[in-house]
PDB file of N, CA and C in Angstrom:
ATOM      1  N   UNK A   1       0.845  -1.166   0.000  1.00  0.00           N
ATOM      2  CA  UNK A   1       0.000   0.000   0.000  1.00  0.00           C
ATOM      3  C   UNK A   1       0.896   1.236   0.000  1.00  0.00           C
ATOM      4  N   UNK A   2       0.580   2.235  -0.792  1.00  0.00           N
ATOM      5  CA  UNK A   2       1.352   3.464  -0.875  1.00  0.00           C
ATOM      6  C   UNK A   2       0.476   4.642  -0.506  1.00  0.00           C
ATOM      7  N   UNK A   3       1.088   5.674   0.019  1.00  0.00           N
ATOM      8  CA  UNK A   3       0.345   6.886   0.308  1.00  0.00           C
ATOM      9  C   UNK A   3       1.182   8.086  -0.098  1.00  0.00           C
ATOM     10  N   UNK A   4       0.512   9.210  -0.304  1.00  0.00           N
ATOM     11  CA  UNK A   4       1.156  10.418  -0.781  1.00  0.00           C
ATOM     12  C   UNK A   4       1.545  11.290   0.411  1.00  0.00           C
ATOM     13  N   UNK A   5       2.796  11.634   0.511  1.00  0.00           N
ATOM     14  CA  UNK A   5       3.280  12.507   1.578  1.00  0.00           C
ATOM     15  C   UNK A   5       4.212  13.533   0.970  1.00  0.00           C
ATOM     16  N   UNK A   6       3.781  14.758   0.932  1.00  0.00           N
ATOM     17  CA  UNK A   6       4.570  15.849   0.364  1.00  0.00           C
ATOM     18  C   UNK A   6       5.093  15.486  -1.028  1.00  0.00           C
ATOM     19  N   UNK A   7       4.186  15.080  -1.893  1.00  0.00           N
ATOM     20  CA  UNK A   7       4.492  14.763  -3.289  1.00  0.00           C
ATOM     21  C   UNK A   7       5.421  13.570  -3.465  1.00  0.00           C
ATOM     22  N   UNK A   8       5.471  12.691  -2.487  1.00  0.00           N
ATOM     23  CA  UNK A   8       6.282  11.486  -2.590  1.00  0.00           C
ATOM     24  C   UNK A   8       5.413  10.280  -2.263  1.00  0.00           C
ATOM     25  N   UNK A   9       5.638   9.205  -2.983  1.00  0.00           N
ATOM     26  CA  UNK A   9       4.953   7.962  -2.649  1.00  0.00           C
ATOM     27  C   UNK A   9       5.813   7.180  -1.674  1.00  0.00           C
ATOM     28  N   UNK A  10       5.257   6.870  -0.534  1.00  0.00           N
ATOM     29  CA  UNK A  10       5.995   6.166   0.489  1.00  0.00           C
ATOM     30  C   UNK A  10       5.257   4.894   0.880  1.00  0.00           C
ATOM     31  N   UNK A  11       5.988   3.847   1.244  1.00  0.00           N
ATOM     32  CA  UNK A  11       5.305   2.643   1.711  1.00  0.00           C
ATOM     33  C   UNK A  11       4.612   2.945   3.039  1.00  0.00           C
ATOM     34  N   UNK A  12       3.458   2.380   3.224  1.00  0.00           N
ATOM     35  CA  UNK A  12       2.691   2.610   4.438  1.00  0.00           C
ATOM     36  C   UNK A  12       3.302   1.836   5.595  1.00  0.00           C
ATOM     37  N   UNK A  13       3.569   2.538   6.680  1.00  0.00           N
ATOM     38  CA  UNK A  13       4.050   1.914   7.917  1.00  0.00           C
ATOM     39  C   UNK A  13       3.119   2.394   9.029  1.00  0.00           C
ATOM     40  N   UNK A  14       2.370   1.508   9.640  1.00  0.00           N
ATOM     41  CA  UNK A  14       1.440   1.961  10.676  1.00  0.00           C
ATOM     42  C   UNK A  14       2.167   2.590  11.861  1.00  0.00           C
ATOM     43  N   UNK A  15       3.341   2.124  12.181  1.00  0.00           N
ATOM     44  CA  UNK A  15       4.165   2.690  13.245  1.00  0.00           C
ATOM     45  C   UNK A  15       5.551   2.060  13.152  1.00  0.00           C
ATOM     46  N   UNK A  16       6.463   2.683  13.814  1.00  0.00           N
ATOM     47  CA  UNK A  16       7.822   2.159  13.862  1.00  0.00           C
ATOM     48  C   UNK A  16       8.099   1.731  15.298  1.00  0.00           C
ATOM     49  N   UNK A  17       7.933   0.450  15.606  1.00  0.00           N
ATOM     50  CA  UNK A  17       8.082  -0.006  16.995  1.00  0.00           C
ATOM     51  C   UNK A  17       9.440   0.310  17.604  1.00  0.00           C
ATOM     52  N   UNK A  18      10.496   0.230  16.825  1.00  0.00           N
ATOM     53  CA  UNK A  18      11.825   0.508  17.357  1.00  0.00           C
ATOM     54  C   UNK A  18      11.951   1.952  17.804  1.00  0.00           C
ATOM     55  N   UNK A  19      11.325   2.881  17.064  1.00  0.00           N
ATOM     56  CA  UNK A  19      11.387   4.295  17.407  1.00  0.00           C
ATOM     57  C   UNK A  19      10.616   4.560  18.698  1.00  0.00           C
ATOM     58  N   UNK A  20       9.471   3.948  18.820  1.00  0.00           N
ATOM     59  CA  UNK A  20       8.664   4.115  20.031  1.00  0.00           C
ATOM     60  C   UNK A  20       9.428   3.585  21.241  1.00  0.00           C
ATOM     61  N   UNK A  21      10.036   2.426  21.107  1.00  0.00           N
ATOM     62  CA  UNK A  21      10.788   1.859  22.216  1.00  0.00           C
ATOM     63  C   UNK A  21      12.004   2.718  22.574  1.00  0.00           C
ATOM     64  N   UNK A  22      12.667   3.239  21.563  1.00  0.00           N
ATOM     65  CA  UNK A  22      13.833   4.086  21.817  1.00  0.00           C
ATOM     66  C   UNK A  22      13.435   5.356  22.559  1.00  0.00           C
ATOM     67  N   UNK A  23      12.406   6.038  22.063  1.00  0.00           N
ATOM     68  CA  UNK A  23      11.980   7.285  22.703  1.00  0.00           C
ATOM     69  C   UNK A  23      11.465   7.042  24.115  1.00  0.00           C
ATOM     70  N   UNK A  24      10.820   5.913  24.326  1.00  0.00           N
ATOM     71  CA  UNK A  24      10.321   5.589  25.663  1.00  0.00           C
ATOM     72  C   UNK A  24      11.462   5.291  26.627  1.00  0.00           C
ATOM     73  N   UNK A  25      12.610   4.878  26.123  1.00  0.00           N
ATOM     74  CA  UNK A  25      13.726   4.536  26.996  1.00  0.00           C
ATOM     75  C   UNK A  25      14.507   5.757  27.465  1.00  0.00           C
ATOM     76  N   UNK A  26      14.324   6.910  26.824  1.00  0.00           N
ATOM     77  CA  UNK A  26      15.037   8.122  27.197  1.00  0.00           C
ATOM     78  C   UNK A  26      14.228   8.851  28.266  1.00  0.00           C
ATOM     79  N   UNK A  27      14.815   9.083  29.437  1.00  0.00           N
ATOM     80  CA  UNK A  27      14.086   9.817  30.472  1.00  0.00           C
ATOM     81  C   UNK A  27      13.686  11.208  29.980  1.00  0.00           C
ATOM     82  N   UNK A  28      12.518  11.648  30.399  1.00  0.00           N
ATOM     83  CA  UNK A  28      12.022  12.949  29.965  1.00  0.00           C
ATOM     84  C   UNK A  28      12.942  14.082  30.404  1.00  0.00           C
ATOM     85  N   UNK A  29      13.567  13.948  31.564  1.00  0.00           N
ATOM     86  CA  UNK A  29      14.435  15.019  32.039  1.00  0.00           C
ATOM     87  C   UNK A  29      15.624  15.221  31.106  1.00  0.00           C
ATOM     88  N   UNK A  30      16.150  14.131  30.583  1.00  0.00           N
ATOM     89  CA  UNK A  30      17.275  14.249  29.656  1.00  0.00           C
ATOM     90  C   UNK A  30      16.824  14.952  28.381  1.00  0.00           C
ATOM     91  N   UNK A  31      15.633  14.608  27.904  1.00  0.00           N
ATOM     92  CA  UNK A  31      15.112  15.272  26.711  1.00  0.00           C
ATOM     93  C   UNK A  31      14.898  16.758  26.981  1.00  0.00           C
ATOM     94  N   UNK A  32      14.417  17.084  28.177  1.00  0.00           N
ATOM     95  CA  UNK A  32      14.160  18.484  28.523  1.00  0.00           C
ATOM     96  C   UNK A  32      15.460  19.276  28.572  1.00  0.00           C
ATOM     97  N   UNK A  33      16.482  18.709  29.196  1.00  0.00           N
ATOM     98  CA  UNK A  33      17.756  19.417  29.308  1.00  0.00           C
ATOM     99  C   UNK A  33      18.426  19.616  27.954  1.00  0.00           C
ATOM    100  N   UNK A  34      18.154  18.719  27.005  1.00  0.00           N
ATOM    101  CA  UNK A  34      18.775  18.832  25.691  1.00  0.00           C
ATOM    102  C   UNK A  34      18.165  19.952  24.848  1.00  0.00           C
ATOM    103  N   UNK A  35      17.166  20.629  25.370  1.00  0.00           N
ATOM    104  CA  UNK A  35      16.626  21.801  24.676  1.00  0.00           C
ATOM    105  C   UNK A  35      17.620  22.961  24.725  1.00  0.00           C
ATOM    106  N   UNK A  36      18.554  22.888  25.670  1.00  0.00           N
ATOM    107  CA  UNK A  36      19.565  23.939  25.822  1.00  0.00           C
ATOM    108  C   UNK A  36      20.659  23.731  24.784  1.00  0.00           C
ATOM    109  N   UNK A  37      20.968  24.789  24.053  1.00  0.00           N
ATOM    110  CA  UNK A  37      22.027  24.716  23.047  1.00  0.00           C
ATOM    111  C   UNK A  37      23.353  24.436  23.747  1.00  0.00           C
ATOM    112  N   UNK A  38      24.001  23.349  23.354  1.00  0.00           N
ATOM    113  CA  UNK A  38      25.271  22.968  23.949  1.00  0.00           C
ATOM    114  C   UNK A  38      25.173  21.773  24.875  1.00  0.00           C
ATOM    115  N   UNK A  39      23.952  21.362  25.227  1.00  0.00           N
ATOM    116  CA  UNK A  39      23.771  20.190  26.082  1.00  0.00           C
ATOM    117  C   UNK A  39      23.289  19.035  25.220  1.00  0.00           C
ATOM    118  N   UNK A  40      24.131  18.028  25.110  1.00  0.00           N
ATOM    119  CA  UNK A  40      23.776  16.821  24.379  1.00  0.00           C
ATOM    120  C   UNK A  40      23.463  15.695  25.350  1.00  0.00           C
ATOM    121  N   UNK A  41      23.331  14.469  24.832  1.00  0.00           N
ATOM    122  CA  UNK A  41      22.976  13.340  25.692  1.00  0.00           C
ATOM    123  C   UNK A  41      23.961  13.088  26.840  1.00  0.00           C
ATOM    124  N   UNK A  42      25.261  13.214  26.576  1.00  0.00           N
ATOM    125  CA  UNK A  42      26.256  12.943  27.625  1.00  0.00           C
ATOM    126  C   UNK A  42      26.151  13.950  28.761  1.00  0.00           C
ATOM    127  N   UNK A  43      26.117  15.234  28.416  1.00  0.00           N
ATOM    128  CA  UNK A  43      26.026  16.261  29.446  1.00  0.00           C
ATOM    129  C   UNK A  43      24.689  16.166  30.183  1.00  0.00           C
ATOM    130  N   UNK A  44      23.618  15.866  29.465  1.00  0.00           N
ATOM    131  CA  UNK A  44      22.306  15.742  30.101  1.00  0.00           C
ATOM    132  C   UNK A  44      22.313  14.595  31.111  1.00  0.00           C
ATOM    133  N   UNK A  45      22.969  13.492  30.775  1.00  0.00           N
ATOM    134  CA  UNK A  45      23.048  12.368  31.702  1.00  0.00           C
ATOM    135  C   UNK A  45      23.868  12.729  32.938  1.00  0.00           C
ATOM    136  N   UNK A  46      24.966  13.472  32.748  1.00  0.00           N
ATOM    137  CA  UNK A  46      25.775  13.892  33.894  1.00  0.00           C
ATOM    138  C   UNK A  46      24.980  14.824  34.803  1.00  0.00           C
ATOM    139  N   UNK A  47      24.238  15.745  34.197  1.00  0.00           N
ATOM    140  CA  UNK A  47      23.438  16.675  34.991  1.00  0.00           C
ATOM    141  C   UNK A  47      22.352  15.940  35.761  1.00  0.00           C
ATOM    142  N   UNK A  48      21.695  14.996  35.090  1.00  0.00           N
ATOM    143  CA  UNK A  48      20.636  14.242  35.754  1.00  0.00           C
ATOM    144  C   UNK A  48      21.198  13.416  36.915  1.00  0.00           C
ATOM    145  N   UNK A  49      22.357  12.822  36.725  1.00  0.00           N
ATOM    146  CA  UNK A  49      22.975  12.031  37.785  1.00  0.00           C
ATOM    147  C   UNK A  49      23.329  12.893  38.991  1.00  0.00           C
ATOM    148  N   UNK A  50      23.581  14.177  38.750  1.00  0.00           N
ATOM    149  CA  UNK A  50      23.918  15.099  39.834  1.00  0.00           C
ATOM    150  C   UNK A  50      22.684  15.746  40.455  1.00  0.00           C
ATOM    151  N   UNK A  51      21.497  15.389  39.957  1.00  0.00           N
ATOM    152  CA  UNK A  51      20.264  15.921  40.540  1.00  0.00           C
ATOM    153  C   UNK A  51      19.662  17.098  39.807  1.00  0.00           C
ATOM    154  N   UNK A  52      20.269  17.519  38.707  1.00  0.00           N
ATOM    155  CA  UNK A  52      19.692  18.599  37.891  1.00  0.00           C
ATOM    156  C   UNK A  52      18.858  17.922  36.817  1.00  0.00           C
ATOM    157  N   UNK A  53      17.544  17.862  37.061  1.00  0.00           N
ATOM    158  CA  UNK A  53      16.672  17.080  36.190  1.00  0.00           C
ATOM    159  C   UNK A  53      15.687  17.917  35.389  1.00  0.00           C
ATOM    160  N   UNK A  54      15.582  19.197  35.698  1.00  0.00           N
ATOM    161  CA  UNK A  54      14.647  20.055  34.967  1.00  0.00           C
ATOM    162  C   UNK A  54      15.347  21.337  34.544  1.00  0.00           C
ATOM    163  N   UNK A  55      14.705  22.075  33.656  1.00  0.00           N
ATOM    164  CA  UNK A  55      15.251  23.368  33.255  1.00  0.00           C
ATOM    165  C   UNK A  55      15.248  24.335  34.433  1.00  0.00           C
ATOM    166  N   UNK A  56      14.269  24.195  35.339  1.00  0.00           N
ATOM    167  CA  UNK A  56      14.227  25.044  36.531  1.00  0.00           C
ATOM    168  C   UNK A  56      15.449  24.794  37.416  1.00  0.00           C
ATOM    169  N   UNK A  57      15.814  23.515  37.569  1.00  0.00           N
ATOM    170  CA  UNK A  57      17.011  23.176  38.344  1.00  0.00           C
ATOM    171  C   UNK A  57      18.250  23.807  37.711  1.00  0.00           C
ATOM    172  N   UNK A  58      18.328  23.721  36.400  1.00  0.00           N
ATOM    173  CA  UNK A  58      19.475  24.283  35.680  1.00  0.00           C
ATOM    174  C   UNK A  58      19.504  25.797  35.844  1.00  0.00           C
ATOM    175  N   UNK A  59      18.340  26.440  35.775  1.00  0.00           N
ATOM    176  CA  UNK A  59      18.264  27.895  35.892  1.00  0.00           C
ATOM    177  C   UNK A  59      18.697  28.376  37.271  1.00  0.00           C
ATOM    178  N   UNK A  60      18.542  27.536  38.281  1.00  0.00           N
ATOM    179  CA  UNK A  60      18.886  27.930  39.646  1.00  0.00           C
ATOM    180  C   UNK A  60      20.290  27.493  40.058  1.00  0.00           C
ATOM    181  N   UNK A  61      21.014  26.860  39.166  1.00  0.00           N
ATOM    182  CA  UNK A  61      22.374  26.418  39.498  1.00  0.00           C
ATOM    183  C   UNK A  61      23.369  27.533  39.210  1.00  0.00           C
ATOM    184  N   UNK A  62      24.605  27.303  39.603  1.00  0.00           N
ATOM    185  CA  UNK A  62      25.665  28.277  39.360  1.00  0.00           C
ATOM    186  C   UNK A  62      26.661  27.699  38.356  1.00  0.00           C
ATOM    187  N   UNK A  63      27.406  28.561  37.677  1.00  0.00           N
ATOM    188  CA  UNK A  63      28.413  28.065  36.735  1.00  0.00           C
ATOM    189  C   UNK A  63      29.451  27.170  37.418  1.00  0.00           C
ATOM    190  N   UNK A  64      29.780  27.475  38.656  1.00  0.00           N
ATOM    191  CA  UNK A  64      30.758  26.671  39.388  1.00  0.00           C
ATOM    192  C   UNK A  64      30.231  25.256  39.630  1.00  0.00           C
ATOM    193  N   UNK A  65      28.933  25.145  39.982  1.00  0.00           N
ATOM    194  CA  UNK A  65      28.328  23.830  40.185  1.00  0.00           C
ATOM    195  C   UNK A  65      28.371  23.021  38.899  1.00  0.00           C
ATOM    196  N   UNK A  66      28.025  23.662  37.791  1.00  0.00           N
ATOM    197  CA  UNK A  66      28.011  22.964  36.502  1.00  0.00           C
ATOM    198  C   UNK A  66      29.413  22.538  36.096  1.00  0.00           C
ATOM    199  N   UNK A  67      30.402  23.384  36.347  1.00  0.00           N
ATOM    200  CA  UNK A  67      31.783  23.037  36.006  1.00  0.00           C
ATOM    201  C   UNK A  67      32.230  21.807  36.793  1.00  0.00           C
ATOM    202  N   UNK A  68      31.811  21.722  38.056  1.00  0.00           N
ATOM    203  CA  UNK A  68      32.169  20.572  38.879  1.00  0.00           C
ATOM    204  C   UNK A  68      31.484  19.299  38.383  1.00  0.00           C
ATOM    205  N   UNK A  69      30.243  19.437  37.931  1.00  0.00           N
ATOM    206  CA  UNK A  69      29.481  18.275  37.454  1.00  0.00           C
ATOM    207  C   UNK A  69      30.000  17.793  36.106  1.00  0.00           C
ATOM    208  N   UNK A  70      30.148  18.715  35.168  1.00  0.00           N
ATOM    209  CA  UNK A  70      30.500  18.357  33.787  1.00  0.00           C
ATOM    210  C   UNK A  70      31.970  17.973  33.670  1.00  0.00           C
ATOM    211  N   UNK A  71      32.845  18.723  34.316  1.00  0.00           N
ATOM    212  CA  UNK A  71      34.284  18.484  34.262  1.00  0.00           C
ATOM    213  C   UNK A  71      34.781  18.359  32.820  1.00  0.00           C
ATOM    214  N   UNK A  72      34.332  19.261  31.993  1.00  0.00           N
ATOM    215  CA  UNK A  72      34.744  19.223  30.593  1.00  0.00           C
ATOM    216  C   UNK A  72      35.440  20.502  30.198  1.00  0.00           C
ATOM    217  N   UNK A  73      35.803  20.552  28.949  1.00  0.00           N
ATOM    218  CA  UNK A  73      36.413  21.758  28.414  1.00  0.00           C
ATOM    219  C   UNK A  73      35.337  22.810  28.232  1.00  0.00           C
ATOM    220  N   UNK A  74      35.708  24.031  28.182  1.00  0.00           N
ATOM    221  CA  UNK A  74      34.737  25.080  27.920  1.00  0.00           C
ATOM    222  C   UNK A  74      34.975  26.284  28.796  1.00  0.00           C
ATOM    223  N   UNK A  75      34.620  26.186  30.022  1.00  0.00           N
ATOM    224  CA  UNK A  75      34.797  27.311  30.921  1.00  0.00           C
ATOM    225  C   UNK A  75      33.460  27.796  31.452  1.00  0.00           C
ATOM    226  N   UNK A  76      33.556  28.706  32.397  1.00  0.00           N
ATOM    227  CA  UNK A  76      32.355  29.189  33.071  1.00  0.00           C
ATOM    228  C   UNK A  76      31.419  29.950  32.143  1.00  0.00           C
ATOM    229  N   UNK A  77      31.954  30.583  31.105  1.00  0.00           N
ATOM    230  CA  UNK A  77      31.104  31.346  30.190  1.00  0.00           C
ATOM    231  C   UNK A  77      30.072  30.436  29.520  1.00  0.00           C
ATOM    232  N   UNK A  78      30.478  29.230  29.164  1.00  0.00           N
ATOM    233  CA  UNK A  78      29.543  28.296  28.536  1.00  0.00           C
ATOM    234  C   UNK A  78      28.435  27.922  29.516  1.00  0.00           C
ATOM    235  N   UNK A  79      28.794  27.677  30.775  1.00  0.00           N
ATOM    236  CA  UNK A  79      27.804  27.292  31.766  1.00  0.00           C
ATOM    237  C   UNK A  79      26.875  28.458  32.091  1.00  0.00           C
ATOM    238  N   UNK A  80      27.418  29.671  32.094  1.00  0.00           N
ATOM    239  CA  UNK A  80      26.575  30.853  32.293  1.00  0.00           C
ATOM    240  C   UNK A  80      25.554  30.971  31.165  1.00  0.00           C
ATOM    241  N   UNK A  81      25.961  30.638  29.954  1.00  0.00           N
ATOM    242  CA  UNK A  81      25.052  30.673  28.812  1.00  0.00           C
ATOM    243  C   UNK A  81      23.939  29.633  28.981  1.00  0.00           C
ATOM    244  N   UNK A  82      24.273  28.429  29.441  1.00  0.00           N
ATOM    245  CA  UNK A  82      23.261  27.400  29.677  1.00  0.00           C
ATOM    246  C   UNK A  82      22.246  27.882  30.709  1.00  0.00           C
ATOM    247  N   UNK A  83      22.758  28.483  31.785  1.00  0.00           N
ATOM    248  CA  UNK A  83      21.881  28.971  32.845  1.00  0.00           C
ATOM    249  C   UNK A  83      20.970  30.072  32.305  1.00  0.00           C
ATOM    250  N   UNK A  84      21.539  30.968  31.512  1.00  0.00           N
ATOM    251  CA  UNK A  84      20.741  32.062  30.938  1.00  0.00           C
ATOM    252  C   UNK A  84      19.662  31.514  30.004  1.00  0.00           C
ATOM    253  N   UNK A  85      19.997  30.535  29.175  1.00  0.00           N
ATOM    254  CA  UNK A  85      18.995  29.934  28.286  1.00  0.00           C
ATOM    255  C   UNK A  85      17.870  29.299  29.107  1.00  0.00           C
ATOM    256  N   UNK A  86      18.235  28.590  30.165  1.00  0.00           N
ATOM    257  CA  UNK A  86      17.230  27.940  31.014  1.00  0.00           C
ATOM    258  C   UNK A  86      16.336  28.977  31.686  1.00  0.00           C
ATOM    259  N   UNK A  87      16.924  30.077  32.124  1.00  0.00           N
ATOM    260  CA  UNK A  87      16.125  31.150  32.748  1.00  0.00           C
ATOM    261  C   UNK A  87      15.145  31.751  31.753  1.00  0.00           C
ATOM    262  N   UNK A  88      15.596  31.960  30.526  1.00  0.00           N
ATOM    263  CA  UNK A  88      14.715  32.519  29.505  1.00  0.00           C
ATOM    264  C   UNK A  88      13.570  31.569  29.172  1.00  0.00           C
ATOM    265  N   UNK A  89      13.855  30.271  29.157  1.00  0.00           N
ATOM    266  CA  UNK A  89      12.829  29.280  28.815  1.00  0.00           C
ATOM    267  C   UNK A  89      11.814  29.092  29.940  1.00  0.00           C
ATOM    268  N   UNK A  90      12.258  29.252  31.187  1.00  0.00           N
ATOM    269  CA  UNK A  90      11.381  28.966  32.317  1.00  0.00           C
ATOM    270  C   UNK A  90      10.837  30.215  32.998  1.00  0.00           C
ATOM    271  N   UNK A  91      11.469  31.349  32.784  1.00  0.00           N
ATOM    272  CA  UNK A  91      11.046  32.561  33.467  1.00  0.00           C
ATOM    273  C   UNK A  91      11.559  32.657  34.894  1.00  0.00           C
ATOM    274  N   UNK A  92      12.516  31.795  35.246  1.00  0.00           N
ATOM    275  CA  UNK A  92      13.096  31.823  36.591  1.00  0.00           C
ATOM    276  C   UNK A  92      14.032  33.019  36.686  1.00  0.00           C
ATOM    277  N   UNK A  93      13.837  33.879  37.708  1.00  0.00           N
ATOM    278  CA  UNK A  93      14.754  35.019  37.850  1.00  0.00           C
ATOM    279  C   UNK A  93      16.109  34.553  38.347  1.00  0.00           C
ATOM    280  N   UNK A  94      17.049  35.468  38.372  1.00  0.00           N
ATOM    281  CA  UNK A  94      18.378  35.118  38.872  1.00  0.00           C
ATOM    282  C   UNK A  94      18.244  34.613  40.289  1.00  0.00           C
ATOM    283  N   UNK A  95      19.060  33.650  40.647  1.00  0.00           N
ATOM    284  CA  UNK A  95      18.936  32.993  41.945  1.00  0.00           C
ATOM    285  C   UNK A  95      19.195  33.961  43.088  1.00  0.00           C
ATOM    286  N   UNK A  96      18.621  33.617  44.216  1.00  0.00           N
ATOM    287  CA  UNK A  96      18.767  34.448  45.401  1.00  0.00           C
ATOM    288  C   UNK A  96      20.187  34.381  45.958  1.00  0.00           C
ATOM    289  N   UNK A  97      20.967  33.409  45.511  1.00  0.00           N
ATOM    290  CA  UNK A  97      22.332  33.295  46.015  1.00  0.00           C
ATOM    291  C   UNK A  97      23.237  34.384  45.460  1.00  0.00           C
ATOM    292  N   UNK A  98      22.847  34.963  44.341  1.00  0.00           N
ATOM    293  CA  UNK A  98      23.642  36.043  43.770  1.00  0.00           C
ATOM    294  C   UNK A  98      23.275  37.332  44.501  1.00  0.00           C
ATOM    295  N   UNK A  99      24.273  38.058  44.937  1.00  0.00           N
ATOM    296  CA  UNK A  99      23.997  39.274  45.683  1.00  0.00           C
ATOM    297  C   UNK A  99      23.684  40.414  44.733  1.00  0.00           C
ATOM    298  N   UNK A 100      22.587  41.133  45.004  1.00  0.00           N
ATOM    299  CA  UNK A 100      22.265  42.272  44.152  1.00  0.00           C
ATOM    300  C   UNK A 100      23.252  43.406  44.400  1.00  0.00           C
ATOM    301  N   UNK A 101      23.399  44.307  43.459  1.00  0.00           N
ATOM    302  CA  UNK A 101      24.322  45.423  43.662  1.00  0.00           C
ATOM    303  C   UNK A 101      23.850  46.283  44.831  1.00  0.00           C
ATOM    304  N   UNK A 102      24.808  46.796  45.610  1.00  0.00           N
ATOM    305  CA  UNK A 102      24.468  47.635  46.756  1.00  0.00           C
ATOM    306  C   UNK A 102      24.019  48.997  46.274  1.00  0.00           C
ATOM    307  N   UNK A 103      22.970  49.529  46.914  1.00  0.00           N
ATOM    308  CA  UNK A 103      22.530  50.879  46.515  1.00  0.00           C
ATOM    309  C   UNK A 103      23.582  51.901  46.920  1.00  0.00           C
ATOM    310  N   UNK A 104      23.695  52.918  46.113  1.00  0.00           N
ATOM    311  CA  UNK A 104      24.686  53.948  46.429  1.00  0.00           C
ATOM    312  C   UNK A 104      24.135  54.815  47.572  1.00  0.00           C
ATOM    313  N   UNK A 105      25.034  55.296  48.388  1.00  0.00           N
ATOM    314  CA  UNK A 105      24.635  56.115  49.526  1.00  0.00           C
ATOM    315  C   UNK A 105      24.270  57.515  49.038  1.00  0.00           C
ATOM    316  N   UNK A 106      23.244  58.104  49.655  1.00  0.00           N
ATOM    317  CA  UNK A 106      22.891  59.482  49.253  1.00  0.00           C
ATOM    318  C   UNK A 106      23.992  60.457  49.650  1.00  0.00           C
ATOM    319  N   UNK A 107      24.135  61.460  48.851  1.00  0.00           N
ATOM    320  CA  UNK A 107      25.163  62.478  49.124  1.00  0.00           C
ATOM    321  C   UNK A 107      24.771  63.306  50.345  1.00  0.00           C
ATOM    322  N   UNK A 108      25.749  63.592  51.217  1.00  0.00           N
ATOM    323  CA  UNK A 108      25.426  64.411  52.414  1.00  0.00           C
ATOM    324  C   UNK A 108      25.028  65.829  51.996  1.00  0.00           C
ATOM    325  N   UNK A 109      24.083  66.385  52.726  1.00  0.00           N
ATOM    326  CA  UNK A 109      23.613  67.762  52.393  1.00  0.00           C
ATOM    327  C   UNK A 109      24.191  68.800  53.291  1.00  0.00           C
TER     328      UNK A 109
END
């Protein structure tokens, strides 16, 4: 049996069991973390093993924590970029662990 798909005749396949089994075997957290540019399957697995399982967790982490977990080449700038991407995707503000700038003192009168 053939069917038309975007001007091409393709053999009919009701489903691809191997694809379903493969996708079901990948934890959702790993798939979620891979939405970040620069995080592939290996880094996602390392992050998940360290307890960073969601984009919210990633957004609340620090570059130093990620450097300790990943132990790869790159540097803190790459990890800061991952955190920024996660914050943009989730709407999580900068973590409370970062100190806000001190207000300037008013000038004496």
